[in-house]
Amino acid sequence: MATKARKQIGLTMRADLYKGLTKLAKENGQTTTHVLEQAAEHYLEFVAPTQNTVRPEVMSHVRRSIDKNRDLLKLLAK
């Protein structure tokens, strides 16, 4: 298996969070780095993509409001 390029970083995080992270890693026989990498991968794959997405039901209300108020929007645009 080919090794992936690594980047060393300096990290400052809440002490209680780091304590829980290191405890979990140790209990699972993993390194703290591995657990942090897994958390970052999860965030990038599942959390981040949803942060810029507006829920479909909200957008349907926005579209209905725009359609309902189209004439007013045209007058305000003048």
N, C-alpha and C. Protein backbone atom coordinates (compact mmCIF):
# COMPACT_ATOMS: atom_id res chain seq x y z
N MET A 1 0.84 -1.18 0.00
CA MET A 1 0.00 0.00 0.00
C MET A 1 0.89 1.24 0.00
N ALA A 2 0.61 2.18 -0.87
CA ALA A 2 1.39 3.41 -0.96
C ALA A 2 1.03 4.33 0.21
N THR A 3 2.03 5.00 0.75
CA THR A 3 1.76 5.93 1.83
C THR A 3 1.28 7.25 1.26
N LYS A 4 0.41 7.89 1.98
CA LYS A 4 -0.12 9.18 1.55
C LYS A 4 0.76 10.29 2.09
N ALA A 5 0.80 11.39 1.36
CA ALA A 5 1.57 12.54 1.81
C ALA A 5 1.00 13.04 3.13
N ARG A 6 1.85 13.46 4.01
CA ARG A 6 1.45 13.92 5.33
C ARG A 6 1.77 15.41 5.48
N LYS A 7 1.03 16.08 6.32
CA LYS A 7 1.25 17.49 6.62
C LYS A 7 1.20 17.65 8.13
N GLN A 8 2.27 18.14 8.71
CA GLN A 8 2.29 18.36 10.16
C GLN A 8 1.62 19.69 10.46
N ILE A 9 0.74 19.68 11.46
CA ILE A 9 0.01 20.90 11.82
C ILE A 9 0.14 21.15 13.31
N GLY A 10 -0.05 22.37 13.70
CA GLY A 10 -0.16 22.72 15.12
C GLY A 10 -1.65 22.84 15.42
N LEU A 11 -2.09 22.30 16.51
CA LEU A 11 -3.51 22.25 16.80
C LEU A 11 -3.77 22.72 18.21
N THR A 12 -4.73 23.59 18.36
CA THR A 12 -5.17 24.01 19.68
C THR A 12 -6.66 23.70 19.75
N MET A 13 -7.03 22.91 20.76
CA MET A 13 -8.44 22.58 20.93
C MET A 13 -8.77 22.55 22.41
N ARG A 14 -10.05 22.50 22.71
CA ARG A 14 -10.48 22.44 24.10
C ARG A 14 -9.86 21.23 24.79
N ALA A 15 -9.37 21.44 26.00
CA ALA A 15 -8.68 20.38 26.73
C ALA A 15 -9.59 19.18 26.99
N ASP A 16 -10.85 19.43 27.34
CA ASP A 16 -11.76 18.31 27.60
C ASP A 16 -12.05 17.50 26.34
N LEU A 17 -12.13 18.19 25.22
CA LEU A 17 -12.36 17.51 23.95
C LEU A 17 -11.16 16.64 23.58
N TYR A 18 -9.97 17.20 23.77
CA TYR A 18 -8.75 16.44 23.46
C TYR A 18 -8.61 15.23 24.39
N LYS A 19 -8.96 15.40 25.65
CA LYS A 19 -8.89 14.30 26.61
C LYS A 19 -9.81 13.16 26.18
N GLY A 20 -11.02 13.49 25.79
CA GLY A 20 -11.96 12.48 25.32
C GLY A 20 -11.48 11.80 24.05
N LEU A 21 -10.88 12.58 23.18
CA LEU A 21 -10.36 12.05 21.92
C LEU A 21 -9.22 11.06 22.16
N THR A 22 -8.29 11.44 23.01
CA THR A 22 -7.16 10.54 23.28
C THR A 22 -7.60 9.29 24.03
N LYS A 23 -8.58 9.44 24.91
CA LYS A 23 -9.11 8.28 25.63
C LYS A 23 -9.77 7.30 24.66
N LEU A 24 -10.57 7.82 23.76
CA LEU A 24 -11.24 6.99 22.76
C LEU A 24 -10.22 6.27 21.87
N ALA A 25 -9.22 7.02 21.44
CA ALA A 25 -8.19 6.43 20.58
C ALA A 25 -7.48 5.28 21.30
N LYS A 26 -7.12 5.51 22.54
CA LYS A 26 -6.41 4.49 23.31
C LYS A 26 -7.28 3.25 23.52
N GLU A 27 -8.55 3.46 23.86
CA GLU A 27 -9.48 2.34 24.07
C GLU A 27 -9.65 1.50 22.81
N ASN A 28 -9.54 2.13 21.66
CA ASN A 28 -9.73 1.43 20.39
C ASN A 28 -8.42 0.99 19.75
N GLY A 29 -7.32 1.20 20.46
CA GLY A 29 -6.02 0.79 19.92
C GLY A 29 -5.60 1.61 18.71
N GLN A 30 -6.00 2.87 18.69
CA GLN A 30 -5.69 3.75 17.57
C GLN A 30 -4.84 4.91 18.07
N THR A 31 -4.26 5.63 17.14
CA THR A 31 -3.54 6.85 17.51
C THR A 31 -4.52 8.02 17.50
N THR A 32 -4.15 9.04 18.24
CA THR A 32 -4.98 10.25 18.25
C THR A 32 -5.03 10.85 16.84
N THR A 33 -3.92 10.79 16.13
CA THR A 33 -3.88 11.29 14.75
C THR A 33 -4.90 10.56 13.88
N HIS A 34 -4.97 9.24 14.02
CA HIS A 34 -5.91 8.46 13.22
C HIS A 34 -7.35 8.89 13.51
N VAL A 35 -7.67 9.07 14.78
CA VAL A 35 -9.03 9.46 15.15
C VAL A 35 -9.34 10.86 14.60
N LEU A 36 -8.39 11.77 14.69
CA LEU A 36 -8.59 13.11 14.13
C LEU A 36 -8.78 13.07 12.62
N GLU A 37 -8.00 12.24 11.94
CA GLU A 37 -8.14 12.11 10.48
C GLU A 37 -9.51 11.55 10.12
N GLN A 38 -9.97 10.56 10.87
CA GLN A 38 -11.30 9.99 10.62
C GLN A 38 -12.38 11.03 10.83
N ALA A 39 -12.24 11.83 11.88
CA ALA A 39 -13.23 12.89 12.15
C ALA A 39 -13.23 13.93 11.04
N ALA A 40 -12.04 14.31 10.56
CA ALA A 40 -11.95 15.29 9.48
C ALA A 40 -12.55 14.73 8.19
N GLU A 41 -12.28 13.47 7.88
CA GLU A 41 -12.85 12.85 6.68
C GLU A 41 -14.37 12.81 6.76
N HIS A 42 -14.89 12.44 7.93
CA HIS A 42 -16.35 12.41 8.12
C HIS A 42 -16.95 13.80 7.93
N TYR A 43 -16.31 14.79 8.52
CA TYR A 43 -16.80 16.16 8.39
C TYR A 43 -16.83 16.60 6.93
N LEU A 44 -15.73 16.34 6.21
CA LEU A 44 -15.65 16.76 4.81
C LEU A 44 -16.66 16.03 3.93
N GLU A 45 -16.92 14.77 4.23
CA GLU A 45 -17.83 13.99 3.39
C GLU A 45 -19.30 14.21 3.72
N PHE A 46 -19.62 14.33 5.00
CA PHE A 46 -21.04 14.35 5.38
C PHE A 46 -21.55 15.67 5.94
N VAL A 47 -20.73 16.40 6.66
CA VAL A 47 -21.21 17.61 7.32
C VAL A 47 -21.06 18.84 6.44
N ALA A 48 -19.86 19.08 5.94
CA ALA A 48 -19.59 20.28 5.16
C ALA A 48 -20.51 20.45 3.95
N PRO A 49 -20.78 19.38 3.19
CA PRO A 49 -21.65 19.57 2.03
C PRO A 49 -23.06 20.05 2.37
N THR A 50 -23.52 19.79 3.58
CA THR A 50 -24.87 20.20 3.95
C THR A 50 -24.92 21.61 4.52
N GLN A 51 -23.78 22.20 4.82
CA GLN A 51 -23.77 23.52 5.44
C GLN A 51 -24.19 24.62 4.47
N ASN A 52 -24.01 24.43 3.19
CA ASN A 52 -24.37 25.45 2.21
C ASN A 52 -25.65 25.11 1.47
N THR A 53 -26.33 24.08 1.90
CA THR A 53 -27.53 23.62 1.22
C THR A 53 -28.76 24.10 1.97
N VAL A 54 -29.66 24.72 1.23
CA VAL A 54 -30.94 25.13 1.82
C VAL A 54 -31.91 23.97 1.67
N ARG A 55 -32.63 23.70 2.73
CA ARG A 55 -33.58 22.59 2.70
C ARG A 55 -34.61 22.81 1.59
N PRO A 56 -35.00 21.75 0.88
CA PRO A 56 -35.95 21.89 -0.24
C PRO A 56 -37.27 22.54 0.16
N GLU A 57 -37.77 22.23 1.36
CA GLU A 57 -39.06 22.81 1.77
C GLU A 57 -38.96 24.32 1.98
N VAL A 58 -37.78 24.80 2.38
CA VAL A 58 -37.58 26.24 2.53
C VAL A 58 -37.57 26.89 1.15
N MET A 59 -36.86 26.28 0.22
CA MET A 59 -36.80 26.83 -1.14
C MET A 59 -38.17 26.85 -1.81
N SER A 60 -39.00 25.86 -1.55
CA SER A 60 -40.34 25.87 -2.17
C SER A 60 -41.15 27.04 -1.64
N HIS A 61 -41.02 27.38 -0.35
CA HIS A 61 -41.70 28.55 0.20
C HIS A 61 -41.16 29.83 -0.42
N VAL A 62 -39.86 29.91 -0.61
CA VAL A 62 -39.25 31.10 -1.22
C VAL A 62 -39.78 31.27 -2.64
N ARG A 63 -39.80 30.18 -3.41
CA ARG A 63 -40.28 30.27 -4.80
C ARG A 63 -41.75 30.70 -4.85
N ARG A 64 -42.57 30.15 -3.96
CA ARG A 64 -43.99 30.53 -3.91
C ARG A 64 -44.14 32.01 -3.58
N SER A 65 -43.33 32.48 -2.64
CA SER A 65 -43.39 33.88 -2.24
C SER A 65 -42.97 34.79 -3.40
N ILE A 66 -41.94 34.40 -4.12
CA ILE A 66 -41.49 35.19 -5.28
C ILE A 66 -42.58 35.23 -6.34
N ASP A 67 -43.19 34.08 -6.63
CA ASP A 67 -44.27 34.04 -7.63
C ASP A 67 -45.44 34.92 -7.19
N LYS A 68 -45.78 34.82 -5.91
CA LYS A 68 -46.91 35.57 -5.37
C LYS A 68 -46.65 37.08 -5.42
N ASN A 69 -45.42 37.48 -5.23
CA ASN A 69 -45.09 38.91 -5.13
C ASN A 69 -44.31 39.43 -6.33
N ARG A 70 -44.42 38.75 -7.48
CA ARG A 70 -43.65 39.14 -8.67
C ARG A 70 -43.91 40.58 -9.08
N ASP A 71 -45.17 41.02 -9.11
CA ASP A 71 -45.48 42.39 -9.53
C ASP A 71 -44.86 43.41 -8.57
N LEU A 72 -44.94 43.15 -7.28
CA LEU A 72 -44.34 44.04 -6.30
C LEU A 72 -42.82 44.09 -6.49
N LEU A 73 -42.21 42.95 -6.74
CA LEU A 73 -40.76 42.92 -6.97
C LEU A 73 -40.36 43.75 -8.19
N LYS A 74 -41.19 43.70 -9.23
CA LYS A 74 -40.91 44.50 -10.44
C LYS A 74 -41.00 45.98 -10.14
N LEU A 75 -42.02 46.37 -9.36
CA LEU A 75 -42.16 47.79 -9.00
C LEU A 75 -41.01 48.27 -8.14
N LEU A 76 -40.55 47.42 -7.22
CA LEU A 76 -39.44 47.80 -6.34
C LEU A 76 -38.11 47.86 -7.11
N ALA A 77 -38.02 47.11 -8.19
CA ALA A 77 -36.78 47.07 -8.97
C ALA A 77 -36.61 48.35 -9.81
N LYS A 78 -37.70 49.10 -10.02
CA LYS A 78 -37.61 50.31 -10.86
C LYS A 78 -36.92 51.43 -10.17
